[in-house]
């Protein structure tokens, strides 16, 4: 349910960003396109490390 809401919101935001960008470009300003914005704002994934409490719980469950 929330995922549908977020997908619709992302589509609407994309449309608005595109419209605003085209309007600003028509006025003579330089505006990056949406794919450039997404590429530059891409976040790095955090390193995956096992958590000590998960390992301890798993070991006691196995024993």
PDB file of N, CA and C in Angstrom:
ATOM      1  N   UNK A   1       0.821  -1.189   0.000  1.00  0.00           N
ATOM      2  CA  UNK A   1       0.000   0.000   0.000  1.00  0.00           C
ATOM      3  C   UNK A   1       0.872   1.262   0.000  1.00  0.00           C
ATOM      4  N   UNK A   2       1.813   1.336   0.935  1.00  0.00           N
ATOM      5  CA  UNK A   2       2.690   2.504   0.956  1.00  0.00           C
ATOM      6  C   UNK A   2       3.617   2.527  -0.249  1.00  0.00           C
ATOM      7  N   UNK A   3       4.020   1.344  -0.723  1.00  0.00           N
ATOM      8  CA  UNK A   3       4.911   1.315  -1.885  1.00  0.00           C
ATOM      9  C   UNK A   3       4.213   1.901  -3.106  1.00  0.00           C
ATOM     10  N   UNK A   4       2.904   1.642  -3.248  1.00  0.00           N
ATOM     11  CA  UNK A   4       2.151   2.240  -4.358  1.00  0.00           C
ATOM     12  C   UNK A   4       2.131   3.760  -4.232  1.00  0.00           C
ATOM     13  N   UNK A   5       1.944   4.229  -3.012  1.00  0.00           N
ATOM     14  CA  UNK A   5       1.930   5.671  -2.766  1.00  0.00           C
ATOM     15  C   UNK A   5       3.270   6.299  -3.122  1.00  0.00           C
ATOM     16  N   UNK A   6       4.368   5.641  -2.698  1.00  0.00           N
ATOM     17  CA  UNK A   6       5.693   6.172  -2.989  1.00  0.00           C
ATOM     18  C   UNK A   6       5.999   6.141  -4.479  1.00  0.00           C
ATOM     19  N   UNK A   7       5.535   5.101  -5.178  1.00  0.00           N
ATOM     20  CA  UNK A   7       5.755   5.033  -6.626  1.00  0.00           C
ATOM     21  C   UNK A   7       4.997   6.144  -7.338  1.00  0.00           C
ATOM     22  N   UNK A   8       3.750   6.377  -6.941  1.00  0.00           N
ATOM     23  CA  UNK A   8       2.967   7.462  -7.543  1.00  0.00           C
ATOM     24  C   UNK A   8       3.603   8.817  -7.236  1.00  0.00           C
ATOM     25  N   UNK A   9       4.073   8.978  -6.007  1.00  0.00           N
ATOM     26  CA  UNK A   9       4.715  10.229  -5.617  1.00  0.00           C
ATOM     27  C   UNK A   9       5.980  10.455  -6.436  1.00  0.00           C
ATOM     28  N   UNK A  10       6.769   9.402  -6.642  1.00  0.00           N
ATOM     29  CA  UNK A  10       7.996   9.533  -7.432  1.00  0.00           C
ATOM     30  C   UNK A  10       7.676   9.929  -8.865  1.00  0.00           C
ATOM     31  N   UNK A  11       6.619   9.350  -9.434  1.00  0.00           N
ATOM     32  CA  UNK A  11       6.233   9.710 -10.801  1.00  0.00           C
ATOM     33  C   UNK A  11       5.798  11.169 -10.883  1.00  0.00           C
ATOM     34  N   UNK A  12       4.998  11.602  -9.917  1.00  0.00           N
ATOM     35  CA  UNK A  12       4.530  12.991  -9.918  1.00  0.00           C
ATOM     36  C   UNK A  12       5.687  13.970  -9.732  1.00  0.00           C
ATOM     37  N   UNK A  13       6.612  13.644  -8.848  1.00  0.00           N
ATOM     38  CA  UNK A  13       7.773  14.510  -8.640  1.00  0.00           C
ATOM     39  C   UNK A  13       8.608  14.583  -9.909  1.00  0.00           C
ATOM     40  N   UNK A  14       8.764  13.446 -10.594  1.00  0.00           N
ATOM     41  CA  UNK A  14       9.513  13.432 -11.853  1.00  0.00           C
ATOM     42  C   UNK A  14       8.877  14.320 -12.898  1.00  0.00           C
ATOM     43  N   UNK A  15       7.547  14.277 -12.991  1.00  0.00           N
ATOM     44  CA  UNK A  15       6.838  15.120 -13.964  1.00  0.00           C
ATOM     45  C   UNK A  15       7.019  16.596 -13.624  1.00  0.00           C
ATOM     46  N   UNK A  16       6.897  16.934 -12.353  1.00  0.00           N
ATOM     47  CA  UNK A  16       7.040  18.335 -11.936  1.00  0.00           C
ATOM     48  C   UNK A  16       8.460  18.834 -12.185  1.00  0.00           C
ATOM     49  N   UNK A  17       9.460  18.015 -11.848  1.00  0.00           N
ATOM     50  CA  UNK A  17      10.858  18.406 -12.076  1.00  0.00           C
ATOM     51  C   UNK A  17      11.104  18.629 -13.560  1.00  0.00           C
ATOM     52  N   UNK A  18      10.538  17.763 -14.394  1.00  0.00           N
ATOM     53  CA  UNK A  18      10.708  17.907 -15.838  1.00  0.00           C
ATOM     54  C   UNK A  18      10.069  19.197 -16.348  1.00  0.00           C
ATOM     55  N   UNK A  19       8.848  19.487 -15.886  1.00  0.00           N
ATOM     56  CA  UNK A  19       8.157  20.712 -16.320  1.00  0.00           C
ATOM     57  C   UNK A  19       8.912  21.969 -15.882  1.00  0.00           C
ATOM     58  N   UNK A  20       9.358  21.977 -14.635  1.00  0.00           N
ATOM     59  CA  UNK A  20      10.083  23.142 -14.119  1.00  0.00           C
ATOM     60  C   UNK A  20      11.399  23.317 -14.870  1.00  0.00           C
ATOM     61  N   UNK A  21      12.096  22.203 -15.116  1.00  0.00           N
ATOM     62  CA  UNK A  21      13.360  22.274 -15.851  1.00  0.00           C
ATOM     63  C   UNK A  21      13.181  22.808 -17.259  1.00  0.00           C
ATOM     64  N   UNK A  22      12.131  22.319 -17.948  1.00  0.00           N
ATOM     65  CA  UNK A  22      11.886  22.819 -19.309  1.00  0.00           C
ATOM     66  C   UNK A  22      11.542  24.300 -19.300  1.00  0.00           C
ATOM     67  N   UNK A  23      10.763  24.726 -18.312  1.00  0.00           N
ATOM     68  CA  UNK A  23      10.394  26.142 -18.237  1.00  0.00           C
ATOM     69  C   UNK A  23      11.623  27.012 -17.964  1.00  0.00           C
ATOM     70  N   UNK A  24      12.482  26.568 -17.053  1.00  0.00           N
ATOM     71  CA  UNK A  24      13.684  27.351 -16.750  1.00  0.00           C
ATOM     72  C   UNK A  24      14.634  27.381 -17.945  1.00  0.00           C
ATOM     73  N   UNK A  25      14.733  26.257 -18.680  1.00  0.00           N
ATOM     74  CA  UNK A  25      15.578  26.248 -19.883  1.00  0.00           C
ATOM     75  C   UNK A  25      15.022  27.190 -20.948  1.00  0.00           C
ATOM     76  N   UNK A  26      13.687  27.289 -21.025  1.00  0.00           N
ATOM     77  CA  UNK A  26      13.096  28.201 -22.012  1.00  0.00           C
ATOM     78  C   UNK A  26      13.391  29.659 -21.667  1.00  0.00           C
ATOM     79  N   UNK A  27      13.662  29.937 -20.392  1.00  0.00           N
ATOM     80  CA  UNK A  27      14.025  31.293 -19.979  1.00  0.00           C
ATOM     81  C   UNK A  27      15.513  31.573 -20.152  1.00  0.00           C
ATOM     82  N   UNK A  28      16.289  30.540 -20.531  1.00  0.00           N
ATOM     83  CA  UNK A  28      17.700  30.742 -20.805  1.00  0.00           C
ATOM     84  C   UNK A  28      18.650  30.242 -19.734  1.00  0.00           C
ATOM     85  N   UNK A  29      18.123  29.645 -18.683  1.00  0.00           N
ATOM     86  CA  UNK A  29      18.984  29.125 -17.619  1.00  0.00           C
ATOM     87  C   UNK A  29      19.452  27.714 -17.951  1.00  0.00           C
ATOM     88  N   UNK A  30      20.591  27.331 -17.381  1.00  0.00           N
ATOM     89  CA  UNK A  30      21.085  25.966 -17.554  1.00  0.00           C
ATOM     90  C   UNK A  30      20.616  25.136 -16.365  1.00  0.00           C
ATOM     91  N   UNK A  31      19.866  24.084 -16.655  1.00  0.00           N
ATOM     92  CA  UNK A  31      19.311  23.221 -15.614  1.00  0.00           C
ATOM     93  C   UNK A  31      19.650  21.780 -15.961  1.00  0.00           C
ATOM     94  N   UNK A  32      20.210  21.002 -15.016  1.00  0.00           N
ATOM     95  CA  UNK A  32      20.497  19.594 -15.319  1.00  0.00           C
ATOM     96  C   UNK A  32      19.198  18.805 -15.481  1.00  0.00           C
ATOM     97  N   UNK A  33      19.245  17.794 -16.336  1.00  0.00           N
ATOM     98  CA  UNK A  33      18.062  16.956 -16.521  1.00  0.00           C
ATOM     99  C   UNK A  33      17.967  15.970 -15.365  1.00  0.00           C
ATOM    100  N   UNK A  34      16.829  15.319 -15.231  1.00  0.00           N
ATOM    101  CA  UNK A  34      16.566  14.461 -14.077  1.00  0.00           C
ATOM    102  C   UNK A  34      17.577  13.327 -13.952  1.00  0.00           C
ATOM    103  N   UNK A  35      17.986  12.730 -15.062  1.00  0.00           N
ATOM    104  CA  UNK A  35      18.944  11.625 -14.979  1.00  0.00           C
ATOM    105  C   UNK A  35      20.293  12.102 -14.451  1.00  0.00           C
ATOM    106  N   UNK A  36      20.683  13.338 -14.771  1.00  0.00           N
ATOM    107  CA  UNK A  36      21.931  13.875 -14.233  1.00  0.00           C
ATOM    108  C   UNK A  36      21.812  14.114 -12.733  1.00  0.00           C
ATOM    109  N   UNK A  37      20.663  14.601 -12.301  1.00  0.00           N
ATOM    110  CA  UNK A  37      20.445  14.845 -10.872  1.00  0.00           C
ATOM    111  C   UNK A  37      20.515  13.530 -10.107  1.00  0.00           C
ATOM    112  N   UNK A  38      19.858  12.501 -10.625  1.00  0.00           N
ATOM    113  CA  UNK A  38      19.850  11.196  -9.953  1.00  0.00           C
ATOM    114  C   UNK A  38      21.249  10.600  -9.932  1.00  0.00           C
ATOM    115  N   UNK A  39      21.980  10.728 -11.030  1.00  0.00           N
ATOM    116  CA  UNK A  39      23.323  10.153 -11.101  1.00  0.00           C
ATOM    117  C   UNK A  39      24.255  10.822 -10.092  1.00  0.00           C
ATOM    118  N   UNK A  40      24.165  12.128  -9.931  1.00  0.00           N
ATOM    119  CA  UNK A  40      25.059  12.829  -9.009  1.00  0.00           C
ATOM    120  C   UNK A  40      24.643  12.661  -7.548  1.00  0.00           C
ATOM    121  N   UNK A  41      23.381  12.381  -7.305  1.00  0.00           N
ATOM    122  CA  UNK A  41      22.899  12.238  -5.931  1.00  0.00           C
ATOM    123  C   UNK A  41      22.813  10.791  -5.479  1.00  0.00           C
ATOM    124  N   UNK A  42      23.332   9.867  -6.263  1.00  0.00           N
ATOM    125  CA  UNK A  42      23.259   8.453  -5.901  1.00  0.00           C
ATOM    126  C   UNK A  42      24.069   8.204  -4.636  1.00  0.00           C
ATOM    127  N   UNK A  43      23.461   7.518  -3.691  1.00  0.00           N
ATOM    128  CA  UNK A  43      24.114   7.248  -2.414  1.00  0.00           C
ATOM    129  C   UNK A  43      24.878   5.934  -2.484  1.00  0.00           C
ATOM    130  N   UNK A  44      25.981   5.881  -1.789  1.00  0.00           N
ATOM    131  CA  UNK A  44      26.751   4.651  -1.696  1.00  0.00           C
ATOM    132  C   UNK A  44      26.079   3.724  -0.686  1.00  0.00           C
ATOM    133  N   UNK A  45      26.104   2.433  -0.982  1.00  0.00           N
ATOM    134  CA  UNK A  45      25.554   1.458  -0.045  1.00  0.00           C
ATOM    135  C   UNK A  45      26.494   1.319   1.148  1.00  0.00           C
ATOM    136  N   UNK A  46      25.938   1.253   2.346  1.00  0.00           N
ATOM    137  CA  UNK A  46      26.808   1.071   3.511  1.00  0.00           C
ATOM    138  C   UNK A  46      27.417  -0.327   3.492  1.00  0.00           C
ATOM    139  N   UNK A  47      28.601  -0.501   4.074  1.00  0.00           N
ATOM    140  CA  UNK A  47      29.213  -1.829   4.094  1.00  0.00           C
ATOM    141  C   UNK A  47      28.381  -2.788   4.940  1.00  0.00           C
ATOM    142  N   UNK A  48      28.307  -4.015   4.488  1.00  0.00           N
ATOM    143  CA  UNK A  48      27.535  -5.025   5.207  1.00  0.00           C
ATOM    144  C   UNK A  48      28.458  -5.716   6.199  1.00  0.00           C
ATOM    145  N   UNK A  49      28.112  -5.606   7.459  1.00  0.00           N
ATOM    146  CA  UNK A  49      28.887  -6.251   8.517  1.00  0.00           C
ATOM    147  C   UNK A  49      27.921  -7.035   9.393  1.00  0.00           C
ATOM    148  N   UNK A  50      28.290  -8.237   9.790  1.00  0.00           N
ATOM    149  CA  UNK A  50      27.406  -8.990  10.690  1.00  0.00           C
ATOM    150  C   UNK A  50      27.352  -8.328  12.063  1.00  0.00           C
ATOM    151  N   UNK A  51      26.186  -8.287  12.624  1.00  0.00           N
ATOM    152  CA  UNK A  51      26.017  -7.691  13.942  1.00  0.00           C
ATOM    153  C   UNK A  51      26.309  -8.733  15.013  1.00  0.00           C
ATOM    154  N   UNK A  52      27.032  -8.379  16.080  1.00  0.00           N
ATOM    155  CA  UNK A  52      27.415  -9.349  17.112  1.00  0.00           C
ATOM    156  C   UNK A  52      26.223 -10.025  17.785  1.00  0.00           C
ATOM    157  N   UNK A  53      25.150  -9.277  18.043  1.00  0.00           N
ATOM    158  CA  UNK A  53      24.014  -9.878  18.737  1.00  0.00           C
ATOM    159  C   UNK A  53      23.293 -10.888  17.853  1.00  0.00           C
ATOM    160  N   UNK A  54      23.310 -10.688  16.546  1.00  0.00           N
ATOM    161  CA  UNK A  54      22.686 -11.646  15.635  1.00  0.00           C
ATOM    162  C   UNK A  54      23.497 -12.938  15.618  1.00  0.00           C
ATOM    163  N   UNK A  55      24.813 -12.830  15.594  1.00  0.00           N
ATOM    164  CA  UNK A  55      25.672 -14.014  15.593  1.00  0.00           C
ATOM    165  C   UNK A  55      25.498 -14.773  16.905  1.00  0.00           C
ATOM    166  N   UNK A  56      25.481 -14.072  18.034  1.00  0.00           N
ATOM    167  CA  UNK A  56      25.326 -14.732  19.332  1.00  0.00           C
ATOM    168  C   UNK A  56      23.978 -15.434  19.422  1.00  0.00           C
ATOM    169  N   UNK A  57      22.916 -14.805  18.938  1.00  0.00           N
ATOM    170  CA  UNK A  57      21.590 -15.415  18.963  1.00  0.00           C
ATOM    171  C   UNK A  57      21.551 -16.643  18.074  1.00  0.00           C
ATOM    172  N   UNK A  58      22.180 -16.564  16.909  1.00  0.00           N
ATOM    173  CA  UNK A  58      22.200 -17.687  15.988  1.00  0.00           C
ATOM    174  C   UNK A  58      22.961 -18.859  16.587  1.00  0.00           C
ATOM    175  N   UNK A  59      24.079 -18.604  17.235  1.00  0.00           N
ATOM    176  CA  UNK A  59      24.884 -19.676  17.829  1.00  0.00           C
ATOM    177  C   UNK A  59      24.118 -20.352  18.962  1.00  0.00           C
ATOM    178  N   UNK A  60      23.458 -19.578  19.817  1.00  0.00           N
ATOM    179  CA  UNK A  60      22.702 -20.189  20.912  1.00  0.00           C
ATOM    180  C   UNK A  60      21.495 -20.949  20.392  1.00  0.00           C
ATOM    181  N   UNK A  61      20.916 -20.526  19.289  1.00  0.00           N
ATOM    182  CA  UNK A  61      19.782 -21.237  18.708  1.00  0.00           C
ATOM    183  C   UNK A  61      20.235 -22.558  18.108  1.00  0.00           C
ATOM    184  N   UNK A  62      21.401 -22.575  17.489  1.00  0.00           N
ATOM    185  CA  UNK A  62      21.920 -23.796  16.873  1.00  0.00           C
ATOM    186  C   UNK A  62      22.273 -24.816  17.945  1.00  0.00           C
ATOM    187  N   UNK A  63      22.855 -24.356  19.050  1.00  0.00           N
ATOM    188  CA  UNK A  63      23.278 -25.269  20.130  1.00  0.00           C
ATOM    189  C   UNK A  63      22.047 -25.718  20.861  1.00  0.00           C
TER     190      UNK A  63
END
